[in-house]
């Protein structure tokens, strides 16, 4: 039995306080690999997660938070814990973005959930300015293979950090919306928020 377990058994403790102390101890002792929290947005509930390196995932409202956490436990580390305090800056920037007061996210990113050409596509997508759009072909070209439009679309469709890595800013040639992991209504709403659509 460890020190925390002994302490919990010997005293009557408020469960919420005990959970918070467990979070703090896991963080302090380096036992927390992935912290996550939920964020309310005009689009619905977002699930955000970060490693010590940076923001690693952002689950859109159409993804169950438990599904996001299970995916992180399988692909990053089983040491995943809800720790909203570790994500205060992410939540603050998202709030400002949805209020129309933030144009550029200034968050460290952890790219470990993607690699190769997919990562190159997402890094190029992260450079698309607020209120602007590119085509799938343009993004593929910037990532090093102009003909790999479908591969670029696949990379964007599996973007683990949407909104912050703004895959909603990538459209079909000719301006049609194309697809979006959060649904076309959400893509259109994000583009309207940024003034990229009339």
C-alpha atoms as a PDB file:
ATOM      1  CA  UNK A   1       0.000   0.000   0.000  1.00  0.00           C
ATOM      2  CA  UNK A   2       1.471   3.357  -0.991  1.00  0.00           C
ATOM      3  CA  UNK A   3       1.404   6.562   1.023  1.00  0.00           C
ATOM      4  CA  UNK A   4      -1.660   7.986  -0.721  1.00  0.00           C
ATOM      5  CA  UNK A   5      -3.684   4.789  -0.290  1.00  0.00           C
ATOM      6  CA  UNK A   6      -2.833   4.718   3.454  1.00  0.00           C
ATOM      7  CA  UNK A   7      -3.833   8.346   3.815  1.00  0.00           C
ATOM      8  CA  UNK A   8      -7.146   7.766   2.052  1.00  0.00           C
ATOM      9  CA  UNK A   9      -7.982   4.732   4.206  1.00  0.00           C
ATOM     10  CA  UNK A  10      -7.102   6.415   7.482  1.00  0.00           C
ATOM     11  CA  UNK A  11      -9.131   9.582   6.995  1.00  0.00           C
ATOM     12  CA  UNK A  12     -12.516  10.461   5.687  1.00  0.00           C
ATOM     13  CA  UNK A  13     -11.770  12.301   2.502  1.00  0.00           C
ATOM     14  CA  UNK A  14     -13.962  14.156   0.088  1.00  0.00           C
ATOM     15  CA  UNK A  15     -13.793  11.997  -3.082  1.00  0.00           C
ATOM     16  CA  UNK A  16     -13.337  15.042  -5.326  1.00  0.00           C
ATOM     17  CA  UNK A  17     -10.460  16.300  -3.167  1.00  0.00           C
ATOM     18  CA  UNK A  18      -8.892  12.831  -3.176  1.00  0.00           C
ATOM     19  CA  UNK A  19      -9.070  12.655  -6.977  1.00  0.00           C
ATOM     20  CA  UNK A  20      -7.497  16.107  -7.275  1.00  0.00           C
ATOM     21  CA  UNK A  21      -4.651  15.085  -4.925  1.00  0.00           C
ATOM     22  CA  UNK A  22      -4.143  11.936  -6.987  1.00  0.00           C
ATOM     23  CA  UNK A  23      -3.904  14.042 -10.155  1.00  0.00           C
ATOM     24  CA  UNK A  24      -1.408  16.396  -8.551  1.00  0.00           C
ATOM     25  CA  UNK A  25       0.713  13.516  -7.255  1.00  0.00           C
ATOM     26  CA  UNK A  26       0.673  11.706 -10.637  1.00  0.00           C
ATOM     27  CA  UNK A  27       1.732  14.923 -12.345  1.00  0.00           C
ATOM     28  CA  UNK A  28       4.458  15.685  -9.790  1.00  0.00           C
ATOM     29  CA  UNK A  29       5.840  12.135  -9.857  1.00  0.00           C
ATOM     30  CA  UNK A  30       5.944  12.031 -13.658  1.00  0.00           C
ATOM     31  CA  UNK A  31       3.236   9.364 -13.859  1.00  0.00           C
ATOM     32  CA  UNK A  32       0.959  11.394 -16.122  1.00  0.00           C
ATOM     33  CA  UNK A  33       1.783  10.992 -19.807  1.00  0.00           C
ATOM     34  CA  UNK A  34      -1.439  12.445 -21.224  1.00  0.00           C
ATOM     35  CA  UNK A  35      -3.690  15.026 -19.569  1.00  0.00           C
ATOM     36  CA  UNK A  36      -7.150  15.618 -20.993  1.00  0.00           C
ATOM     37  CA  UNK A  37     -10.132  17.861 -20.418  1.00  0.00           C
ATOM     38  CA  UNK A  38     -13.359  18.842 -22.108  1.00  0.00           C
ATOM     39  CA  UNK A  39     -14.064  22.320 -23.451  1.00  0.00           C
ATOM     40  CA  UNK A  40     -17.496  23.727 -24.186  1.00  0.00           C
ATOM     41  CA  UNK A  41     -17.609  25.554 -27.506  1.00  0.00           C
ATOM     42  CA  UNK A  42     -20.325  27.004 -29.754  1.00  0.00           C
ATOM     43  CA  UNK A  43     -19.914  23.825 -31.831  1.00  0.00           C
ATOM     44  CA  UNK A  44     -20.392  21.467 -28.871  1.00  0.00           C
ATOM     45  CA  UNK A  45     -18.089  19.696 -26.424  1.00  0.00           C
ATOM     46  CA  UNK A  46     -14.476  19.346 -27.518  1.00  0.00           C
ATOM     47  CA  UNK A  47     -12.032  16.926 -25.890  1.00  0.00           C
ATOM     48  CA  UNK A  48      -8.476  18.228 -25.677  1.00  0.00           C
ATOM     49  CA  UNK A  49      -5.395  16.259 -24.647  1.00  0.00           C
ATOM     50  CA  UNK A  50      -1.748  17.142 -24.148  1.00  0.00           C
ATOM     51  CA  UNK A  51       1.518  15.393 -23.419  1.00  0.00           C
ATOM     52  CA  UNK A  52       4.512  17.163 -21.867  1.00  0.00           C
ATOM     53  CA  UNK A  53       5.517  18.007 -25.482  1.00  0.00           C
ATOM     54  CA  UNK A  54       2.261  19.758 -26.380  1.00  0.00           C
ATOM     55  CA  UNK A  55      -1.311  19.408 -27.615  1.00  0.00           C
ATOM     56  CA  UNK A  56      -1.641  15.892 -29.043  1.00  0.00           C
ATOM     57  CA  UNK A  57      -5.366  15.560 -29.740  1.00  0.00           C
ATOM     58  CA  UNK A  58      -8.546  17.551 -30.112  1.00  0.00           C
ATOM     59  CA  UNK A  59     -11.722  15.492 -30.350  1.00  0.00           C
ATOM     60  CA  UNK A  60     -14.577  17.237 -32.145  1.00  0.00           C
ATOM     61  CA  UNK A  61     -18.141  17.215 -30.758  1.00  0.00           C
ATOM     62  CA  UNK A  62     -19.126  14.177 -32.834  1.00  0.00           C
ATOM     63  CA  UNK A  63     -16.525  12.057 -30.969  1.00  0.00           C
ATOM     64  CA  UNK A  64     -17.363  10.704 -27.538  1.00  0.00           C
ATOM     65  CA  UNK A  65     -14.752  11.883 -24.990  1.00  0.00           C
ATOM     66  CA  UNK A  66     -14.391   8.295 -23.738  1.00  0.00           C
ATOM     67  CA  UNK A  67     -13.527   7.207 -27.288  1.00  0.00           C
ATOM     68  CA  UNK A  68     -10.860   9.939 -27.501  1.00  0.00           C
ATOM     69  CA  UNK A  69      -9.366   8.856 -24.164  1.00  0.00           C
ATOM     70  CA  UNK A  70      -9.384   5.162 -25.143  1.00  0.00           C
ATOM     71  CA  UNK A  71      -7.637   6.011 -28.412  1.00  0.00           C
ATOM     72  CA  UNK A  72      -4.973   8.009 -26.547  1.00  0.00           C
ATOM     73  CA  UNK A  73      -4.460   5.179 -24.057  1.00  0.00           C
ATOM     74  CA  UNK A  74      -3.927   2.738 -26.933  1.00  0.00           C
ATOM     75  CA  UNK A  75      -1.788   4.944 -29.183  1.00  0.00           C
ATOM     76  CA  UNK A  76       0.158   7.210 -26.795  1.00  0.00           C
ATOM     77  CA  UNK A  77       0.202   5.815 -23.245  1.00  0.00           C
ATOM     78  CA  UNK A  78      -2.164   4.112 -20.815  1.00  0.00           C
ATOM     79  CA  UNK A  79      -1.233   6.797 -18.267  1.00  0.00           C
ATOM     80  CA  UNK A  80      -4.056   9.170 -19.246  1.00  0.00           C
ATOM     81  CA  UNK A  81      -5.781  11.272 -16.623  1.00  0.00           C
ATOM     82  CA  UNK A  82      -8.349  14.043 -16.662  1.00  0.00           C
ATOM     83  CA  UNK A  83      -6.344  17.084 -15.563  1.00  0.00           C
ATOM     84  CA  UNK A  84      -8.059  20.293 -16.695  1.00  0.00           C
ATOM     85  CA  UNK A  85      -5.438  22.535 -15.077  1.00  0.00           C
ATOM     86  CA  UNK A  86      -2.776  21.242 -17.460  1.00  0.00           C
ATOM     87  CA  UNK A  87      -4.941  22.396 -20.380  1.00  0.00           C
ATOM     88  CA  UNK A  88      -5.865  25.897 -19.196  1.00  0.00           C
ATOM     89  CA  UNK A  89      -3.931  27.618 -21.995  1.00  0.00           C
ATOM     90  CA  UNK A  90      -5.476  25.362 -24.663  1.00  0.00           C
ATOM     91  CA  UNK A  91      -8.942  26.081 -23.308  1.00  0.00           C
ATOM     92  CA  UNK A  92      -8.222  29.822 -23.092  1.00  0.00           C
ATOM     93  CA  UNK A  93      -7.022  30.010 -26.705  1.00  0.00           C
ATOM     94  CA  UNK A  94      -9.993  27.995 -27.971  1.00  0.00           C
ATOM     95  CA  UNK A  95     -12.385  30.318 -26.120  1.00  0.00           C
ATOM     96  CA  UNK A  96     -10.703  33.363 -27.680  1.00  0.00           C
ATOM     97  CA  UNK A  97     -10.784  31.747 -31.135  1.00  0.00           C
ATOM     98  CA  UNK A  98     -14.521  31.047 -30.938  1.00  0.00           C
ATOM     99  CA  UNK A  99     -15.117  34.612 -29.708  1.00  0.00           C
ATOM    100  CA  UNK A 100     -13.346  35.839 -32.861  1.00  0.00           C
ATOM    101  CA  UNK A 101     -10.506  37.376 -30.819  1.00  0.00           C
ATOM    102  CA  UNK A 102      -7.705  34.932 -31.714  1.00  0.00           C
ATOM    103  CA  UNK A 103      -6.411  34.420 -35.236  1.00  0.00           C
ATOM    104  CA  UNK A 104      -3.291  32.350 -34.571  1.00  0.00           C
ATOM    105  CA  UNK A 105      -2.942  29.606 -31.994  1.00  0.00           C
ATOM    106  CA  UNK A 106       0.297  29.762 -30.048  1.00  0.00           C
ATOM    107  CA  UNK A 107       0.354  26.271 -28.581  1.00  0.00           C
ATOM    108  CA  UNK A 108       3.132  23.685 -28.627  1.00  0.00           C
ATOM    109  CA  UNK A 109       2.013  20.655 -30.634  1.00  0.00           C
ATOM    110  CA  UNK A 110       2.887  16.987 -30.245  1.00  0.00           C
ATOM    111  CA  UNK A 111       2.828  15.406 -33.722  1.00  0.00           C
ATOM    112  CA  UNK A 112       3.312  11.782 -32.589  1.00  0.00           C
ATOM    113  CA  UNK A 113      -0.098  10.597 -33.817  1.00  0.00           C
ATOM    114  CA  UNK A 114       0.927  11.215 -37.406  1.00  0.00           C
ATOM    115  CA  UNK A 115       4.028  10.720 -39.507  1.00  0.00           C
ATOM    116  CA  UNK A 116       5.572  10.742 -42.982  1.00  0.00           C
ATOM    117  CA  UNK A 117       3.585  12.429 -45.744  1.00  0.00           C
ATOM    118  CA  UNK A 118       0.577  12.815 -43.436  1.00  0.00           C
ATOM    119  CA  UNK A 119       2.639  14.849 -40.992  1.00  0.00           C
ATOM    120  CA  UNK A 120       4.025  17.000 -43.813  1.00  0.00           C
ATOM    121  CA  UNK A 121       0.467  17.693 -45.000  1.00  0.00           C
ATOM    122  CA  UNK A 122      -0.638  18.673 -41.499  1.00  0.00           C
ATOM    123  CA  UNK A 123       2.397  20.888 -40.926  1.00  0.00           C
ATOM    124  CA  UNK A 124       1.613  22.715 -44.190  1.00  0.00           C
ATOM    125  CA  UNK A 125      -2.032  22.978 -43.165  1.00  0.00           C
ATOM    126  CA  UNK A 126      -0.981  24.546 -39.850  1.00  0.00           C
ATOM    127  CA  UNK A 127       0.585  27.377 -41.900  1.00  0.00           C
ATOM    128  CA  UNK A 128      -2.615  28.357 -43.732  1.00  0.00           C
ATOM    129  CA  UNK A 129      -3.474  31.854 -42.470  1.00  0.00           C
ATOM    130  CA  UNK A 130      -6.714  32.634 -40.662  1.00  0.00           C
ATOM    131  CA  UNK A 131      -9.467  33.519 -43.108  1.00  0.00           C
ATOM    132  CA  UNK A 132      -7.671  31.933 -46.089  1.00  0.00           C
ATOM    133  CA  UNK A 133      -8.102  28.585 -47.813  1.00  0.00           C
ATOM    134  CA  UNK A 134      -6.082  26.262 -50.015  1.00  0.00           C
ATOM    135  CA  UNK A 135      -7.099  23.347 -52.216  1.00  0.00           C
ATOM    136  CA  UNK A 136      -6.171  19.740 -51.497  1.00  0.00           C
ATOM    137  CA  UNK A 137      -3.871  19.927 -54.531  1.00  0.00           C
ATOM    138  CA  UNK A 138      -2.082  23.006 -53.189  1.00  0.00           C
ATOM    139  CA  UNK A 139      -1.549  21.396 -49.788  1.00  0.00           C
ATOM    140  CA  UNK A 140      -0.274  18.184 -51.406  1.00  0.00           C
ATOM    141  CA  UNK A 141       2.165  20.227 -53.493  1.00  0.00           C
ATOM    142  CA  UNK A 142       3.432  22.127 -50.450  1.00  0.00           C
ATOM    143  CA  UNK A 143       3.895  18.778 -48.659  1.00  0.00           C
ATOM    144  CA  UNK A 144       6.075  17.547 -51.528  1.00  0.00           C
ATOM    145  CA  UNK A 145       3.792  15.622 -53.905  1.00  0.00           C
ATOM    146  CA  UNK A 146       1.327  17.591 -56.028  1.00  0.00           C
ATOM    147  CA  UNK A 147      -0.293  14.407 -57.362  1.00  0.00           C
ATOM    148  CA  UNK A 148      -1.046  13.002 -53.899  1.00  0.00           C
ATOM    149  CA  UNK A 149      -4.336  14.881 -53.479  1.00  0.00           C
ATOM    150  CA  UNK A 150      -6.180  11.813 -52.159  1.00  0.00           C
ATOM    151  CA  UNK A 151      -3.392  11.049 -49.700  1.00  0.00           C
ATOM    152  CA  UNK A 152      -3.534  14.684 -48.577  1.00  0.00           C
ATOM    153  CA  UNK A 153      -7.299  14.363 -48.113  1.00  0.00           C
ATOM    154  CA  UNK A 154      -6.783  11.198 -46.084  1.00  0.00           C
ATOM    155  CA  UNK A 155      -4.194  12.963 -43.897  1.00  0.00           C
ATOM    156  CA  UNK A 156      -6.599  15.840 -43.311  1.00  0.00           C
ATOM    157  CA  UNK A 157      -9.426  13.415 -42.554  1.00  0.00           C
ATOM    158  CA  UNK A 158      -7.349  11.801 -39.812  1.00  0.00           C
ATOM    159  CA  UNK A 159      -6.001  15.090 -38.403  1.00  0.00           C
ATOM    160  CA  UNK A 160      -5.644  14.473 -34.646  1.00  0.00           C
ATOM    161  CA  UNK A 161      -5.630  18.213 -33.835  1.00  0.00           C
ATOM    162  CA  UNK A 162      -8.414  19.831 -35.905  1.00  0.00           C
ATOM    163  CA  UNK A 163      -9.242  23.525 -35.475  1.00  0.00           C
ATOM    164  CA  UNK A 164      -5.733  24.231 -34.126  1.00  0.00           C
ATOM    165  CA  UNK A 165      -4.279  22.519 -37.216  1.00  0.00           C
ATOM    166  CA  UNK A 166      -6.970  24.062 -39.444  1.00  0.00           C
ATOM    167  CA  UNK A 167      -7.906  21.304 -41.877  1.00  0.00           C
ATOM    168  CA  UNK A 168     -11.239  23.134 -42.296  1.00  0.00           C
ATOM    169  CA  UNK A 169      -9.280  25.657 -44.416  1.00  0.00           C
ATOM    170  CA  UNK A 170      -8.651  23.071 -47.143  1.00  0.00           C
ATOM    171  CA  UNK A 171     -11.253  22.915 -49.925  1.00  0.00           C
ATOM    172  CA  UNK A 172     -11.733  21.081 -53.179  1.00  0.00           C
ATOM    173  CA  UNK A 173     -10.411  22.696 -56.330  1.00  0.00           C
ATOM    174  CA  UNK A 174     -13.147  25.105 -57.408  1.00  0.00           C
ATOM    175  CA  UNK A 175     -14.103  25.981 -53.829  1.00  0.00           C
ATOM    176  CA  UNK A 176     -16.454  23.115 -52.846  1.00  0.00           C
ATOM    177  CA  UNK A 177     -16.138  22.300 -49.153  1.00  0.00           C
ATOM    178  CA  UNK A 178     -14.992  18.689 -49.491  1.00  0.00           C
ATOM    179  CA  UNK A 179     -15.150  16.620 -46.309  1.00  0.00           C
ATOM    180  CA  UNK A 180     -14.602  17.330 -42.627  1.00  0.00           C
ATOM    181  CA  UNK A 181     -14.306  15.064 -39.593  1.00  0.00           C
ATOM    182  CA  UNK A 182     -16.772  17.191 -37.644  1.00  0.00           C
ATOM    183  CA  UNK A 183     -19.279  17.331 -40.497  1.00  0.00           C
ATOM    184  CA  UNK A 184     -19.770  19.873 -43.267  1.00  0.00           C
ATOM    185  CA  UNK A 185     -21.971  22.134 -41.114  1.00  0.00           C
ATOM    186  CA  UNK A 186     -19.104  22.564 -38.685  1.00  0.00           C
ATOM    187  CA  UNK A 187     -16.585  23.162 -41.480  1.00  0.00           C
ATOM    188  CA  UNK A 188     -18.824  25.828 -42.962  1.00  0.00           C
ATOM    189  CA  UNK A 189     -19.385  27.442 -39.543  1.00  0.00           C
ATOM    190  CA  UNK A 190     -15.611  27.604 -38.876  1.00  0.00           C
ATOM    191  CA  UNK A 191     -14.963  29.150 -42.288  1.00  0.00           C
ATOM    192  CA  UNK A 192     -17.734  31.697 -41.714  1.00  0.00           C
ATOM    193  CA  UNK A 193     -16.318  32.533 -38.272  1.00  0.00           C
ATOM    194  CA  UNK A 194     -12.981  33.285 -39.954  1.00  0.00           C
ATOM    195  CA  UNK A 195     -14.564  35.276 -42.785  1.00  0.00           C
ATOM    196  CA  UNK A 196     -13.425  32.810 -45.457  1.00  0.00           C
ATOM    197  CA  UNK A 197     -17.023  32.273 -46.617  1.00  0.00           C
ATOM    198  CA  UNK A 198     -19.648  34.908 -47.327  1.00  0.00           C
END
